[in-house]
Amino acid sequence: MSVDRDTVLKIARLSRIKLEDERVEPLMGELNNILAWVEQLDGVDTTDVAPMTSAVETSLAWREDQVSDGECAEDVLKNAPVSEYGFFAVPKVIE
């Protein structure tokens, strides 16, 4: 896959990025280089590689679940611009 001038301009428009004409050609080359590198990854044989979430072996620290109300509702409501009856008050959105 290669990126042409129209694709670069479309990406810039969708990204809401103002792009001067002199930057289109260099950006087109950069995007093509990135796509070529990604295409190289398709050639890597990963059949014997197990799926993983990290390159480092880790284990989670387990703890007992304890249900509580947090006992900090008043502190949290101090951040609210408006609160009523112990809850955040927000303006009506749908009439």
PDB file of N, CA and C in Angstrom:
ATOM      1  N   MET A   1       0.850  -1.182   0.000  1.00  0.00           N
ATOM      2  CA  MET A   1       0.000   0.000   0.000  1.00  0.00           C
ATOM      3  C   MET A   1       0.886   1.234   0.000  1.00  0.00           C
ATOM      4  N   SER A   2       0.528   2.198  -0.801  1.00  0.00           N
ATOM      5  CA  SER A   2       1.281   3.447  -0.797  1.00  0.00           C
ATOM      6  C   SER A   2       0.308   4.616  -0.650  1.00  0.00           C
ATOM      7  N   VAL A   3       0.834   5.668  -0.082  1.00  0.00           N
ATOM      8  CA  VAL A   3       0.035   6.857   0.185  1.00  0.00           C
ATOM      9  C   VAL A   3       0.332   7.891  -0.896  1.00  0.00           C
ATOM     10  N   ASP A   4      -0.726   8.414  -1.511  1.00  0.00           N
ATOM     11  CA  ASP A   4      -0.535   9.460  -2.511  1.00  0.00           C
ATOM     12  C   ASP A   4      -0.894  10.830  -1.915  1.00  0.00           C
ATOM     13  N   ARG A   5      -0.748  11.853  -2.733  1.00  0.00           N
ATOM     14  CA  ARG A   5      -0.981  13.231  -2.281  1.00  0.00           C
ATOM     15  C   ARG A   5      -2.405  13.425  -1.753  1.00  0.00           C
ATOM     16  N   ASP A   6      -3.399  12.869  -2.466  1.00  0.00           N
ATOM     17  CA  ASP A   6      -4.790  13.022  -2.045  1.00  0.00           C
ATOM     18  C   ASP A   6      -5.044  12.360  -0.689  1.00  0.00           C
ATOM     19  N   THR A   7      -4.415  11.207  -0.457  1.00  0.00           N
ATOM     20  CA  THR A   7      -4.590  10.512   0.822  1.00  0.00           C
ATOM     21  C   THR A   7      -3.996  11.318   1.960  1.00  0.00           C
ATOM     22  N   VAL A   8      -2.824  11.916   1.731  1.00  0.00           N
ATOM     23  CA  VAL A   8      -2.204  12.752   2.769  1.00  0.00           C
ATOM     24  C   VAL A   8      -3.105  13.934   3.103  1.00  0.00           C
ATOM     25  N   LEU A   9      -3.660  14.571   2.088  1.00  0.00           N
ATOM     26  CA  LEU A   9      -4.545  15.712   2.325  1.00  0.00           C
ATOM     27  C   LEU A   9      -5.824  15.288   3.039  1.00  0.00           C
ATOM     28  N   LYS A  10      -6.331  14.110   2.707  1.00  0.00           N
ATOM     29  CA  LYS A  10      -7.536  13.605   3.379  1.00  0.00           C
ATOM     30  C   LYS A  10      -7.243  13.298   4.843  1.00  0.00           C
ATOM     31  N   ILE A  11      -6.101  12.662   5.123  1.00  0.00           N
ATOM     32  CA  ILE A  11      -5.710  12.365   6.501  1.00  0.00           C
ATOM     33  C   ILE A  11      -5.560  13.656   7.296  1.00  0.00           C
ATOM     34  N   ALA A  12      -4.940  14.657   6.698  1.00  0.00           N
ATOM     35  CA  ALA A  12      -4.758  15.943   7.375  1.00  0.00           C
ATOM     36  C   ALA A  12      -6.112  16.589   7.662  1.00  0.00           C
ATOM     37  N   ARG A  13      -7.029  16.513   6.703  1.00  0.00           N
ATOM     38  CA  ARG A  13      -8.354  17.113   6.905  1.00  0.00           C
ATOM     39  C   ARG A  13      -9.118  16.380   8.009  1.00  0.00           C
ATOM     40  N   LEU A  14      -9.080  15.044   7.985  1.00  0.00           N
ATOM     41  CA  LEU A  14      -9.772  14.267   9.011  1.00  0.00           C
ATOM     42  C   LEU A  14      -9.166  14.473  10.391  1.00  0.00           C
ATOM     43  N   SER A  15      -7.857  14.739  10.425  1.00  0.00           N
ATOM     44  CA  SER A  15      -7.161  14.978  11.694  1.00  0.00           C
ATOM     45  C   SER A  15      -7.255  16.416  12.153  1.00  0.00           C
ATOM     46  N   ARG A  16      -7.885  17.249  11.331  1.00  0.00           N
ATOM     47  CA  ARG A  16      -8.017  18.675  11.623  1.00  0.00           C
ATOM     48  C   ARG A  16      -6.644  19.333  11.772  1.00  0.00           C
ATOM     49  N   ILE A  17      -5.718  18.938  10.857  1.00  0.00           N
ATOM     50  CA  ILE A  17      -4.365  19.485  10.861  1.00  0.00           C
ATOM     51  C   ILE A  17      -4.210  20.371   9.628  1.00  0.00           C
ATOM     52  N   LYS A  18      -3.805  21.609   9.844  1.00  0.00           N
ATOM     53  CA  LYS A  18      -3.539  22.494   8.716  1.00  0.00           C
ATOM     54  C   LYS A  18      -2.191  22.092   8.134  1.00  0.00           C
ATOM     55  N   LEU A  19      -2.185  21.810   6.853  1.00  0.00           N
ATOM     56  CA  LEU A  19      -0.986  21.296   6.200  1.00  0.00           C
ATOM     57  C   LEU A  19      -0.646  22.180   5.012  1.00  0.00           C
ATOM     58  N   GLU A  20       0.540  22.812   5.063  1.00  0.00           N
ATOM     59  CA  GLU A  20       0.987  23.644   3.950  1.00  0.00           C
ATOM     60  C   GLU A  20       1.402  22.746   2.789  1.00  0.00           C
ATOM     61  N   ASP A  21       1.332  23.282   1.577  1.00  0.00           N
ATOM     62  CA  ASP A  21       1.629  22.498   0.376  1.00  0.00           C
ATOM     63  C   ASP A  21       3.055  21.944   0.370  1.00  0.00           C
ATOM     64  N   GLU A  22       4.013  22.687   0.902  1.00  0.00           N
ATOM     65  CA  GLU A  22       5.402  22.215   0.886  1.00  0.00           C
ATOM     66  C   GLU A  22       5.645  21.057   1.851  1.00  0.00           C
ATOM     67  N   ARG A  23       4.710  20.786   2.773  1.00  0.00           N
ATOM     68  CA  ARG A  23       4.855  19.687   3.726  1.00  0.00           C
ATOM     69  C   ARG A  23       4.195  18.395   3.236  1.00  0.00           C
ATOM     70  N   VAL A  24       3.411  18.467   2.148  1.00  0.00           N
ATOM     71  CA  VAL A  24       2.682  17.289   1.684  1.00  0.00           C
ATOM     72  C   VAL A  24       3.637  16.215   1.163  1.00  0.00           C
ATOM     73  N   GLU A  25       4.577  16.582   0.304  1.00  0.00           N
ATOM     74  CA  GLU A  25       5.505  15.596  -0.281  1.00  0.00           C
ATOM     75  C   GLU A  25       6.375  14.913   0.789  1.00  0.00           C
ATOM     76  N   PRO A  26       7.018  15.670   1.712  1.00  0.00           N
ATOM     77  CA  PRO A  26       7.804  14.989   2.748  1.00  0.00           C
ATOM     78  C   PRO A  26       6.946  14.080   3.636  1.00  0.00           C
ATOM     79  N   LEU A  27       5.730  14.517   3.942  1.00  0.00           N
ATOM     80  CA  LEU A  27       4.849  13.713   4.782  1.00  0.00           C
ATOM     81  C   LEU A  27       4.413  12.452   4.047  1.00  0.00           C
ATOM     82  N   MET A  28       4.224  12.565   2.739  1.00  0.00           N
ATOM     83  CA  MET A  28       3.868  11.405   1.937  1.00  0.00           C
ATOM     84  C   MET A  28       4.982  10.355   2.006  1.00  0.00           C
ATOM     85  N   GLY A  29       6.231  10.807   1.928  1.00  0.00           N
ATOM     86  CA  GLY A  29       7.365   9.886   2.049  1.00  0.00           C
ATOM     87  C   GLY A  29       7.450   9.247   3.414  1.00  0.00           C
ATOM     88  N   GLU A  30       7.218  10.029   4.461  1.00  0.00           N
ATOM     89  CA  GLU A  30       7.274   9.498   5.818  1.00  0.00           C
ATOM     90  C   GLU A  30       6.191   8.443   6.040  1.00  0.00           C
ATOM     91  N   LEU A  31       4.985   8.727   5.581  1.00  0.00           N
ATOM     92  CA  LEU A  31       3.895   7.766   5.752  1.00  0.00           C
ATOM     93  C   LEU A  31       4.148   6.489   4.953  1.00  0.00           C
ATOM     94  N   ASN A  32       4.708   6.606   3.772  1.00  0.00           N
ATOM     95  CA  ASN A  32       5.042   5.414   2.988  1.00  0.00           C
ATOM     96  C   ASN A  32       6.123   4.589   3.674  1.00  0.00           C
ATOM     97  N   ASN A  33       7.106   5.247   4.295  1.00  0.00           N
ATOM     98  CA  ASN A  33       8.140   4.518   5.038  1.00  0.00           C
ATOM     99  C   ASN A  33       7.540   3.776   6.222  1.00  0.00           C
ATOM    100  N   ILE A  34       6.606   4.412   6.925  1.00  0.00           N
ATOM    101  CA  ILE A  34       5.953   3.765   8.067  1.00  0.00           C
ATOM    102  C   ILE A  34       5.166   2.543   7.597  1.00  0.00           C
ATOM    103  N   LEU A  35       4.410   2.691   6.518  1.00  0.00           N
ATOM    104  CA  LEU A  35       3.637   1.565   6.001  1.00  0.00           C
ATOM    105  C   LEU A  35       4.529   0.433   5.502  1.00  0.00           C
ATOM    106  N   ALA A  36       5.678   0.766   4.912  1.00  0.00           N
ATOM    107  CA  ALA A  36       6.622  -0.264   4.462  1.00  0.00           C
ATOM    108  C   ALA A  36       7.167  -1.032   5.660  1.00  0.00           C
ATOM    109  N   TRP A  37       7.439  -0.345   6.757  1.00  0.00           N
ATOM    110  CA  TRP A  37       7.934  -1.010   7.954  1.00  0.00           C
ATOM    111  C   TRP A  37       6.867  -1.935   8.529  1.00  0.00           C
ATOM    112  N   VAL A  38       5.619  -1.490   8.534  1.00  0.00           N
ATOM    113  CA  VAL A  38       4.528  -2.325   9.038  1.00  0.00           C
ATOM    114  C   VAL A  38       4.348  -3.556   8.147  1.00  0.00           C
ATOM    115  N   GLU A  39       4.514  -3.400   6.844  1.00  0.00           N
ATOM    116  CA  GLU A  39       4.416  -4.538   5.939  1.00  0.00           C
ATOM    117  C   GLU A  39       5.522  -5.552   6.199  1.00  0.00           C
ATOM    118  N   GLN A  40       6.697  -5.096   6.654  1.00  0.00           N
ATOM    119  CA  GLN A  40       7.778  -6.019   7.010  1.00  0.00           C
ATOM    120  C   GLN A  40       7.367  -6.907   8.172  1.00  0.00           C
ATOM    121  N   LEU A  41       6.559  -6.372   9.080  1.00  0.00           N
ATOM    122  CA  LEU A  41       6.123  -7.159  10.229  1.00  0.00           C
ATOM    123  C   LEU A  41       5.253  -8.341   9.809  1.00  0.00           C
ATOM    124  N   ASP A  42       4.585  -8.232   8.653  1.00  0.00           N
ATOM    125  CA  ASP A  42       3.786  -9.353   8.162  1.00  0.00           C
ATOM    126  C   ASP A  42       4.659 -10.561   7.840  1.00  0.00           C
ATOM    127  N   GLY A  43       5.911 -10.334   7.521  1.00  0.00           N
ATOM    128  CA  GLY A  43       6.808 -11.419   7.167  1.00  0.00           C
ATOM    129  C   GLY A  43       7.389 -12.155   8.359  1.00  0.00           C
ATOM    130  N   VAL A  44       7.169 -11.674   9.560  1.00  0.00           N
ATOM    131  CA  VAL A  44       7.732 -12.306  10.751  1.00  0.00           C
ATOM    132  C   VAL A  44       6.892 -13.528  11.112  1.00  0.00           C
ATOM    133  N   ASP A  45       7.560 -14.671  11.297  1.00  0.00           N
ATOM    134  CA  ASP A  45       6.880 -15.908  11.655  1.00  0.00           C
ATOM    135  C   ASP A  45       6.630 -15.926  13.165  1.00  0.00           C
ATOM    136  N   THR A  46       5.371 -15.900  13.550  1.00  0.00           N
ATOM    137  CA  THR A  46       5.015 -15.894  14.975  1.00  0.00           C
ATOM    138  C   THR A  46       4.201 -17.135  15.352  1.00  0.00           C
ATOM    139  N   THR A  47       4.344 -18.214  14.593  1.00  0.00           N
ATOM    140  CA  THR A  47       3.523 -19.397  14.858  1.00  0.00           C
ATOM    141  C   THR A  47       3.821 -20.031  16.208  1.00  0.00           C
ATOM    142  N   ASP A  48       5.075 -20.014  16.659  1.00  0.00           N
ATOM    143  CA  ASP A  48       5.427 -20.642  17.930  1.00  0.00           C
ATOM    144  C   ASP A  48       5.537 -19.644  19.075  1.00  0.00           C
ATOM    145  N   VAL A  49       5.052 -18.434  18.883  1.00  0.00           N
ATOM    146  CA  VAL A  49       5.130 -17.400  19.910  1.00  0.00           C
ATOM    147  C   VAL A  49       3.773 -17.300  20.605  1.00  0.00           C
ATOM    148  N   ALA A  50       3.793 -17.473  21.908  1.00  0.00           N
ATOM    149  CA  ALA A  50       2.542 -17.403  22.674  1.00  0.00           C
ATOM    150  C   ALA A  50       2.105 -15.943  22.818  1.00  0.00           C
ATOM    151  N   PRO A  51       0.796 -15.700  22.776  1.00  0.00           N
ATOM    152  CA  PRO A  51       0.313 -14.331  22.995  1.00  0.00           C
ATOM    153  C   PRO A  51       0.719 -13.844  24.382  1.00  0.00           C
ATOM    154  N   MET A  52       1.059 -12.559  24.466  1.00  0.00           N
ATOM    155  CA  MET A  52       1.478 -12.013  25.755  1.00  0.00           C
ATOM    156  C   MET A  52       1.056 -10.560  25.865  1.00  0.00           C
ATOM    157  N   THR A  53       0.962 -10.085  27.095  1.00  0.00           N
ATOM    158  CA  THR A  53       0.599  -8.696  27.329  1.00  0.00           C
ATOM    159  C   THR A  53       1.807  -7.863  27.707  1.00  0.00           C
ATOM    160  N   SER A  54       2.925  -8.517  27.993  1.00  0.00           N
ATOM    161  CA  SER A  54       4.136  -7.799  28.389  1.00  0.00           C
ATOM    162  C   SER A  54       5.347  -8.627  27.985  1.00  0.00           C
ATOM    163  N   ALA A  55       6.460  -7.980  27.744  1.00  0.00           N
ATOM    164  CA  ALA A  55       7.692  -8.689  27.418  1.00  0.00           C
ATOM    165  C   ALA A  55       8.363  -9.245  28.665  1.00  0.00           C
ATOM    166  N   VAL A  56       7.909  -8.793  29.830  1.00  0.00           N
ATOM    167  CA  VAL A  56       8.475  -9.226  31.103  1.00  0.00           C
ATOM    168  C   VAL A  56       7.441 -10.065  31.834  1.00  0.00           C
ATOM    169  N   GLU A  57       7.849 -11.209  32.362  1.00  0.00           N
ATOM    170  CA  GLU A  57       6.944 -12.075  33.114  1.00  0.00           C
ATOM    171  C   GLU A  57       6.564 -11.396  34.430  1.00  0.00           C
ATOM    172  N   THR A  58       5.284 -11.210  34.644  1.00  0.00           N
ATOM    173  CA  THR A  58       4.812 -10.580  35.873  1.00  0.00           C
ATOM    174  C   THR A  58       3.642 -11.379  36.432  1.00  0.00           C
ATOM    175  N   SER A  59       3.368 -11.149  37.700  1.00  0.00           N
ATOM    176  CA  SER A  59       2.178 -11.754  38.312  1.00  0.00           C
ATOM    177  C   SER A  59       1.468 -10.672  39.105  1.00  0.00           C
ATOM    178  N   LEU A  60       0.171 -10.795  39.165  1.00  0.00           N
ATOM    179  CA  LEU A  60      -0.628  -9.812  39.867  1.00  0.00           C
ATOM    180  C   LEU A  60      -0.655 -10.091  41.357  1.00  0.00           C
ATOM    181  N   ALA A  61      -0.666  -9.026  42.119  1.00  0.00           N
ATOM    182  CA  ALA A  61      -0.803  -9.171  43.568  1.00  0.00           C
ATOM    183  C   ALA A  61      -2.295  -9.236  43.882  1.00  0.00           C
ATOM    184  N   TRP A  62      -2.749 -10.362  44.391  1.00  0.00           N
ATOM    185  CA  TRP A  62      -4.161 -10.534  44.693  1.00  0.00           C
ATOM    186  C   TRP A  62      -4.465 -10.041  46.091  1.00  0.00           C
ATOM    187  N   ARG A  63      -5.650  -9.505  46.276  1.00  0.00           N
ATOM    188  CA  ARG A  63      -6.095  -9.073  47.588  1.00  0.00           C
ATOM    189  C   ARG A  63      -7.561  -9.431  47.739  1.00  0.00           C
ATOM    190  N   GLU A  64      -8.015  -9.484  48.946  1.00  0.00           N
ATOM    191  CA  GLU A  64      -9.408  -9.796  49.230  1.00  0.00           C
ATOM    192  C   GLU A  64     -10.286  -8.603  48.870  1.00  0.00           C
ATOM    193  N   ASP A  65     -11.411  -8.857  48.189  1.00  0.00           N
ATOM    194  CA  ASP A  65     -12.353  -7.791  47.875  1.00  0.00           C
ATOM    195  C   ASP A  65     -13.073  -7.354  49.138  1.00  0.00           C
ATOM    196  N   GLN A  66     -13.145  -6.053  49.338  1.00  0.00           N
ATOM    197  CA  GLN A  66     -13.872  -5.498  50.477  1.00  0.00           C
ATOM    198  C   GLN A  66     -14.810  -4.424  49.946  1.00  0.00           C
ATOM    199  N   VAL A  67     -16.098  -4.657  50.120  1.00  0.00           N
ATOM    200  CA  VAL A  67     -17.097  -3.715  49.642  1.00  0.00           C
ATOM    201  C   VAL A  67     -17.256  -2.594  50.647  1.00  0.00           C
ATOM    202  N   SER A  68     -17.172  -1.352  50.163  1.00  0.00           N
ATOM    203  CA  SER A  68     -17.391  -0.202  51.032  1.00  0.00           C
ATOM    204  C   SER A  68     -17.914   0.941  50.167  1.00  0.00           C
ATOM    205  N   ASP A  69     -18.453   1.940  50.810  1.00  0.00           N
ATOM    206  CA  ASP A  69     -18.947   3.090  50.057  1.00  0.00           C
ATOM    207  C   ASP A  69     -17.850   4.120  49.843  1.00  0.00           C
ATOM    208  N   GLY A  70     -16.656   3.850  50.282  1.00  0.00           N
ATOM    209  CA  GLY A  70     -15.531   4.746  50.108  1.00  0.00           C
ATOM    210  C   GLY A  70     -15.402   5.775  51.217  1.00  0.00           C
ATOM    211  N   GLU A  71     -16.505   6.061  51.890  1.00  0.00           N
ATOM    212  CA  GLU A  71     -16.535   7.004  53.005  1.00  0.00           C
ATOM    213  C   GLU A  71     -15.901   8.350  52.657  1.00  0.00           C
ATOM    214  N   CYS A  72     -16.061   8.773  51.411  1.00  0.00           N
ATOM    215  CA  CYS A  72     -15.474  10.048  51.026  1.00  0.00           C
ATOM    216  C   CYS A  72     -16.415  10.844  50.115  1.00  0.00           C
ATOM    217  N   ALA A  73     -17.726  10.576  50.204  1.00  0.00           N
ATOM    218  CA  ALA A  73     -18.678  11.243  49.323  1.00  0.00           C
ATOM    219  C   ALA A  73     -18.624  12.757  49.479  1.00  0.00           C
ATOM    220  N   GLU A  74     -18.496  13.230  50.694  1.00  0.00           N
ATOM    221  CA  GLU A  74     -18.446  14.678  50.917  1.00  0.00           C
ATOM    222  C   GLU A  74     -17.218  15.292  50.260  1.00  0.00           C
ATOM    223  N   ASP A  75     -16.089  14.611  50.363  1.00  0.00           N
ATOM    224  CA  ASP A  75     -14.871  15.118  49.733  1.00  0.00           C
ATOM    225  C   ASP A  75     -15.007  15.142  48.205  1.00  0.00           C
ATOM    226  N   VAL A  76     -15.640  14.119  47.642  1.00  0.00           N
ATOM    227  CA  VAL A  76     -15.822  14.058  46.197  1.00  0.00           C
ATOM    228  C   VAL A  76     -16.771  15.160  45.746  1.00  0.00           C
ATOM    229  N   LEU A  77     -17.839  15.379  46.491  1.00  0.00           N
ATOM    230  CA  LEU A  77     -18.827  16.391  46.101  1.00  0.00           C
ATOM    231  C   LEU A  77     -18.296  17.813  46.230  1.00  0.00           C
ATOM    232  N   LYS A  78     -17.185  17.997  46.936  1.00  0.00           N
ATOM    233  CA  LYS A  78     -16.572  19.328  46.996  1.00  0.00           C
ATOM    234  C   LYS A  78     -16.088  19.769  45.614  1.00  0.00           C
ATOM    235  N   ASN A  79     -15.821  18.798  44.724  1.00  0.00           N
ATOM    236  CA  ASN A  79     -15.364  19.102  43.366  1.00  0.00           C
ATOM    237  C   ASN A  79     -16.511  19.468  42.435  1.00  0.00           C
ATOM    238  N   ALA A  80     -17.734  19.183  42.842  1.00  0.00           N
ATOM    239  CA  ALA A  80     -18.883  19.418  41.972  1.00  0.00           C
ATOM    240  C   ALA A  80     -19.258  20.886  41.956  1.00  0.00           C
ATOM    241  N   PRO A  81     -19.520  21.439  40.766  1.00  0.00           N
ATOM    242  CA  PRO A  81     -19.982  22.822  40.709  1.00  0.00           C
ATOM    243  C   PRO A  81     -21.340  22.967  41.396  1.00  0.00           C
ATOM    244  N   VAL A  82     -22.211  21.935  41.213  1.00  0.00           N
ATOM    245  CA  VAL A  82     -23.534  21.940  41.830  1.00  0.00           C
ATOM    246  C   VAL A  82     -23.832  20.520  42.301  1.00  0.00           C
ATOM    247  N   SER A  83     -24.312  20.395  43.525  1.00  0.00           N
ATOM    248  CA  SER A  83     -24.712  19.077  44.013  1.00  0.00           C
ATOM    249  C   SER A  83     -26.058  19.197  44.715  1.00  0.00           C
ATOM    250  N   GLU A  84     -26.825  18.116  44.624  1.00  0.00           N
ATOM    251  CA  GLU A  84     -28.131  18.060  45.274  1.00  0.00           C
ATOM    252  C   GLU A  84     -28.321  16.681  45.871  1.00  0.00           C
ATOM    253  N   TYR A  85     -28.767  16.614  47.105  1.00  0.00           N
ATOM    254  CA  TYR A  85     -29.101  15.349  47.786  1.00  0.00           C
ATOM    255  C   TYR A  85     -27.937  14.364  47.773  1.00  0.00           C
ATOM    256  N   GLY A  86     -26.727  14.851  47.838  1.00  0.00           N
ATOM    257  CA  GLY A  86     -25.565  13.971  47.881  1.00  0.00           C
ATOM    258  C   GLY A  86     -25.120  13.454  46.522  1.00  0.00           C
ATOM    259  N   PHE A  87     -25.589  14.064  45.418  1.00  0.00           N
ATOM    260  CA  PHE A  87     -25.222  13.650  44.069  1.00  0.00           C
ATOM    261  C   PHE A  87     -24.773  14.860  43.259  1.00  0.00           C
ATOM    262  N   PHE A  88     -24.015  14.592  42.186  1.00  0.00           N
ATOM    263  CA  PHE A  88     -23.683  15.656  41.244  1.00  0.00           C
ATOM    264  C   PHE A  88     -24.964  16.090  40.542  1.00  0.00           C
ATOM    265  N   ALA A  89     -25.181  17.367  40.407  1.00  0.00           N
ATOM    266  CA  ALA A  89     -26.334  17.897  39.676  1.00  0.00           C
ATOM    267  C   ALA A  89     -25.850  18.389  38.325  1.00  0.00           C
ATOM    268  N   VAL A  90     -26.506  17.901  37.262  1.00  0.00           N
ATOM    269  CA  VAL A  90     -26.126  18.286  35.909  1.00  0.00           C
ATOM    270  C   VAL A  90     -27.344  18.861  35.198  1.00  0.00           C
ATOM    271  N   PRO A  91     -27.129  19.737  34.222  1.00  0.00           N
ATOM    272  CA  PRO A  91     -28.275  20.309  33.516  1.00  0.00           C
ATOM    273  C   PRO A  91     -28.984  19.249  32.674  1.00  0.00           C
ATOM    274  N   LYS A  92     -30.266  19.439  32.460  1.00  0.00           N
ATOM    275  CA  LYS A  92     -31.066  18.543  31.639  1.00  0.00           C
ATOM    276  C   LYS A  92     -30.592  18.624  30.199  1.00  0.00           C
ATOM    277  N   VAL A  93     -30.402  17.464  29.561  1.00  0.00           N
ATOM    278  CA  VAL A  93     -29.885  17.420  28.207  1.00  0.00           C
ATOM    279  C   VAL A  93     -31.020  17.168  27.214  1.00  0.00           C
ATOM    280  N   ILE A  94     -31.923  16.295  27.567  1.00  0.00           N
ATOM    281  CA  ILE A  94     -33.030  15.952  26.674  1.00  0.00           C
ATOM    282  C   ILE A  94     -34.312  16.490  27.262  1.00  0.00           C
ATOM    283  N   GLU A  95     -35.053  17.202  26.469  1.00  0.00           N
ATOM    284  CA  GLU A  95     -36.340  17.771  26.933  1.00  0.00           C
ATOM    285  C   GLU A  95     -37.443  16.787  26.713  1.00  0.00           C
TER     286      GLU A  95
END
